[in-house]
Amino acid sequence: MLTHNLDDLEVFNKRQDKTLIERLNSLISRDFKILTYTDAITLLQNSGKKFEFPHNWGDDLASEHETWIVDHFGLPCVLTN
């Protein structure tokens, strides 16, 4: 997108989200965190945070869990297995 659609992104950056291009550049300049589903569940269970939705092994992760994991590491995450 930054290569082929920069004009469109600049419009959106100007009108909607003034940090969009900066955040996209930040994302592509770093590696993603890779962890297993089991490690993610363990991390959530040990977080000390009270989530609205349960997060036991075998459950789907809710948006609140995914957001917490990304915020915890400060970068995009990929869950495996």
C-alpha atoms as a PDB file:
ATOM      1  CA  MET A   1       0.000   0.000   0.000  1.00  0.00           C
ATOM      2  CA  LEU A   2       2.780   2.391   0.857  1.00  0.00           C
ATOM      3  CA  THR A   3       4.371   1.739  -2.515  1.00  0.00           C
ATOM      4  CA  HIS A   4       1.383   1.550  -4.848  1.00  0.00           C
ATOM      5  CA  ASN A   5      -1.334   3.535  -3.034  1.00  0.00           C
ATOM      6  CA  LEU A   6       0.516   6.263  -1.187  1.00  0.00           C
ATOM      7  CA  ASP A   7      -1.709   9.002  -2.649  1.00  0.00           C
ATOM      8  CA  ASP A   8      -4.812   7.317  -1.225  1.00  0.00           C
ATOM      9  CA  LEU A   9      -3.136   6.770   2.126  1.00  0.00           C
ATOM     10  CA  GLU A  10      -2.079  10.413   2.286  1.00  0.00           C
ATOM     11  CA  VAL A  11      -5.711  11.507   1.819  1.00  0.00           C
ATOM     12  CA  PHE A  12      -6.845   9.173   4.583  1.00  0.00           C
ATOM     13  CA  ASN A  13      -3.895  10.241   6.735  1.00  0.00           C
ATOM     14  CA  LYS A  14      -4.874  13.890   6.329  1.00  0.00           C
ATOM     15  CA  ARG A  15      -8.631  13.508   6.857  1.00  0.00           C
ATOM     16  CA  GLN A  16      -9.113  10.557   9.219  1.00  0.00           C
ATOM     17  CA  ASP A  17      -5.994   9.307  10.953  1.00  0.00           C
ATOM     18  CA  LYS A  18      -3.017  11.641  11.113  1.00  0.00           C
ATOM     19  CA  THR A  19      -0.725   8.854  12.307  1.00  0.00           C
ATOM     20  CA  LEU A  20      -1.630   6.195   9.701  1.00  0.00           C
ATOM     21  CA  ILE A  21       1.429   6.437   7.462  1.00  0.00           C
ATOM     22  CA  GLU A  22       3.752   6.712  10.443  1.00  0.00           C
ATOM     23  CA  ARG A  23       2.206   3.595  12.038  1.00  0.00           C
ATOM     24  CA  LEU A  24       2.355   1.617   8.780  1.00  0.00           C
ATOM     25  CA  ASN A  25       6.035   2.488   8.341  1.00  0.00           C
ATOM     26  CA  SER A  26       6.659   1.424  11.929  1.00  0.00           C
ATOM     27  CA  LEU A  27       4.943  -1.924  11.336  1.00  0.00           C
ATOM     28  CA  ILE A  28       6.899  -2.848   8.245  1.00  0.00           C
ATOM     29  CA  SER A  29      10.234  -1.945   9.785  1.00  0.00           C
ATOM     30  CA  ARG A  30       9.975  -4.553  12.583  1.00  0.00           C
ATOM     31  CA  ASP A  31       9.570  -8.298  12.833  1.00  0.00           C
ATOM     32  CA  PHE A  32       6.276  -9.686  14.088  1.00  0.00           C
ATOM     33  CA  LYS A  33       6.151 -11.578  17.392  1.00  0.00           C
ATOM     34  CA  ILE A  34       5.453 -15.272  16.822  1.00  0.00           C
ATOM     35  CA  LEU A  35       4.059 -17.353  19.676  1.00  0.00           C
ATOM     36  CA  THR A  36       1.992 -20.478  20.052  1.00  0.00           C
ATOM     37  CA  TYR A  37      -1.673 -20.441  20.934  1.00  0.00           C
ATOM     38  CA  THR A  38      -0.787 -22.224  24.187  1.00  0.00           C
ATOM     39  CA  ASP A  39       1.744 -19.523  25.089  1.00  0.00           C
ATOM     40  CA  ALA A  40      -0.821 -16.830  24.296  1.00  0.00           C
ATOM     41  CA  ILE A  41      -3.419 -18.438  26.581  1.00  0.00           C
ATOM     42  CA  THR A  42      -0.847 -18.785  29.359  1.00  0.00           C
ATOM     43  CA  LEU A  43       0.135 -15.139  28.913  1.00  0.00           C
ATOM     44  CA  LEU A  44      -3.508 -14.044  29.145  1.00  0.00           C
ATOM     45  CA  GLN A  45      -4.149 -16.202  32.220  1.00  0.00           C
ATOM     46  CA  ASN A  46      -1.077 -14.754  33.966  1.00  0.00           C
ATOM     47  CA  SER A  47      -1.826 -11.163  32.937  1.00  0.00           C
ATOM     48  CA  GLY A  48      -3.789 -10.270  36.057  1.00  0.00           C
ATOM     49  CA  LYS A  49      -6.304  -8.500  33.828  1.00  0.00           C
ATOM     50  CA  LYS A  50     -10.013  -9.225  34.121  1.00  0.00           C
ATOM     51  CA  PHE A  51     -11.329  -9.811  30.617  1.00  0.00           C
ATOM     52  CA  GLU A  52     -14.985  -9.679  29.623  1.00  0.00           C
ATOM     53  CA  PHE A  53     -14.745 -13.029  27.815  1.00  0.00           C
ATOM     54  CA  PRO A  54     -13.135 -16.180  29.225  1.00  0.00           C
ATOM     55  CA  HIS A  55      -9.841 -17.334  27.798  1.00  0.00           C
ATOM     56  CA  ASN A  56      -9.338 -20.986  28.565  1.00  0.00           C
ATOM     57  CA  TRP A  57      -7.333 -23.317  26.359  1.00  0.00           C
ATOM     58  CA  GLY A  58      -9.492 -24.305  23.379  1.00  0.00           C
ATOM     59  CA  ASP A  59     -11.530 -21.084  23.371  1.00  0.00           C
ATOM     60  CA  ASP A  60     -11.363 -18.680  20.474  1.00  0.00           C
ATOM     61  CA  LEU A  61      -9.569 -15.473  21.307  1.00  0.00           C
ATOM     62  CA  ALA A  62     -11.783 -12.409  21.449  1.00  0.00           C
ATOM     63  CA  SER A  63     -10.790  -9.014  20.122  1.00  0.00           C
ATOM     64  CA  GLU A  64      -9.970  -7.880  23.658  1.00  0.00           C
ATOM     65  CA  HIS A  65      -7.476 -10.755  23.999  1.00  0.00           C
ATOM     66  CA  GLU A  66      -5.837 -10.052  20.654  1.00  0.00           C
ATOM     67  CA  THR A  67      -5.574  -6.354  21.470  1.00  0.00           C
ATOM     68  CA  TRP A  68      -4.030  -7.076  24.872  1.00  0.00           C
ATOM     69  CA  ILE A  69      -1.439  -9.434  23.369  1.00  0.00           C
ATOM     70  CA  VAL A  70      -0.426  -6.898  20.698  1.00  0.00           C
ATOM     71  CA  ASP A  71      -0.250  -4.102  23.285  1.00  0.00           C
ATOM     72  CA  HIS A  72       1.769  -6.340  25.624  1.00  0.00           C
ATOM     73  CA  PHE A  73       4.479  -6.909  23.019  1.00  0.00           C
ATOM     74  CA  GLY A  74       4.079  -3.544  21.297  1.00  0.00           C
ATOM     75  CA  LEU A  75       4.073  -5.097  17.849  1.00  0.00           C
ATOM     76  CA  PRO A  76       1.926  -7.305  15.605  1.00  0.00           C
ATOM     77  CA  CYS A  77       1.698 -10.942  16.677  1.00  0.00           C
ATOM     78  CA  VAL A  78       1.178 -14.207  14.863  1.00  0.00           C
ATOM     79  CA  LEU A  79      -0.210 -17.183  16.773  1.00  0.00           C
ATOM     80  CA  THR A  80       0.654 -20.687  15.626  1.00  0.00           C
ATOM     81  CA  ASN A  81      -0.696 -24.151  16.372  1.00  0.00           C
END
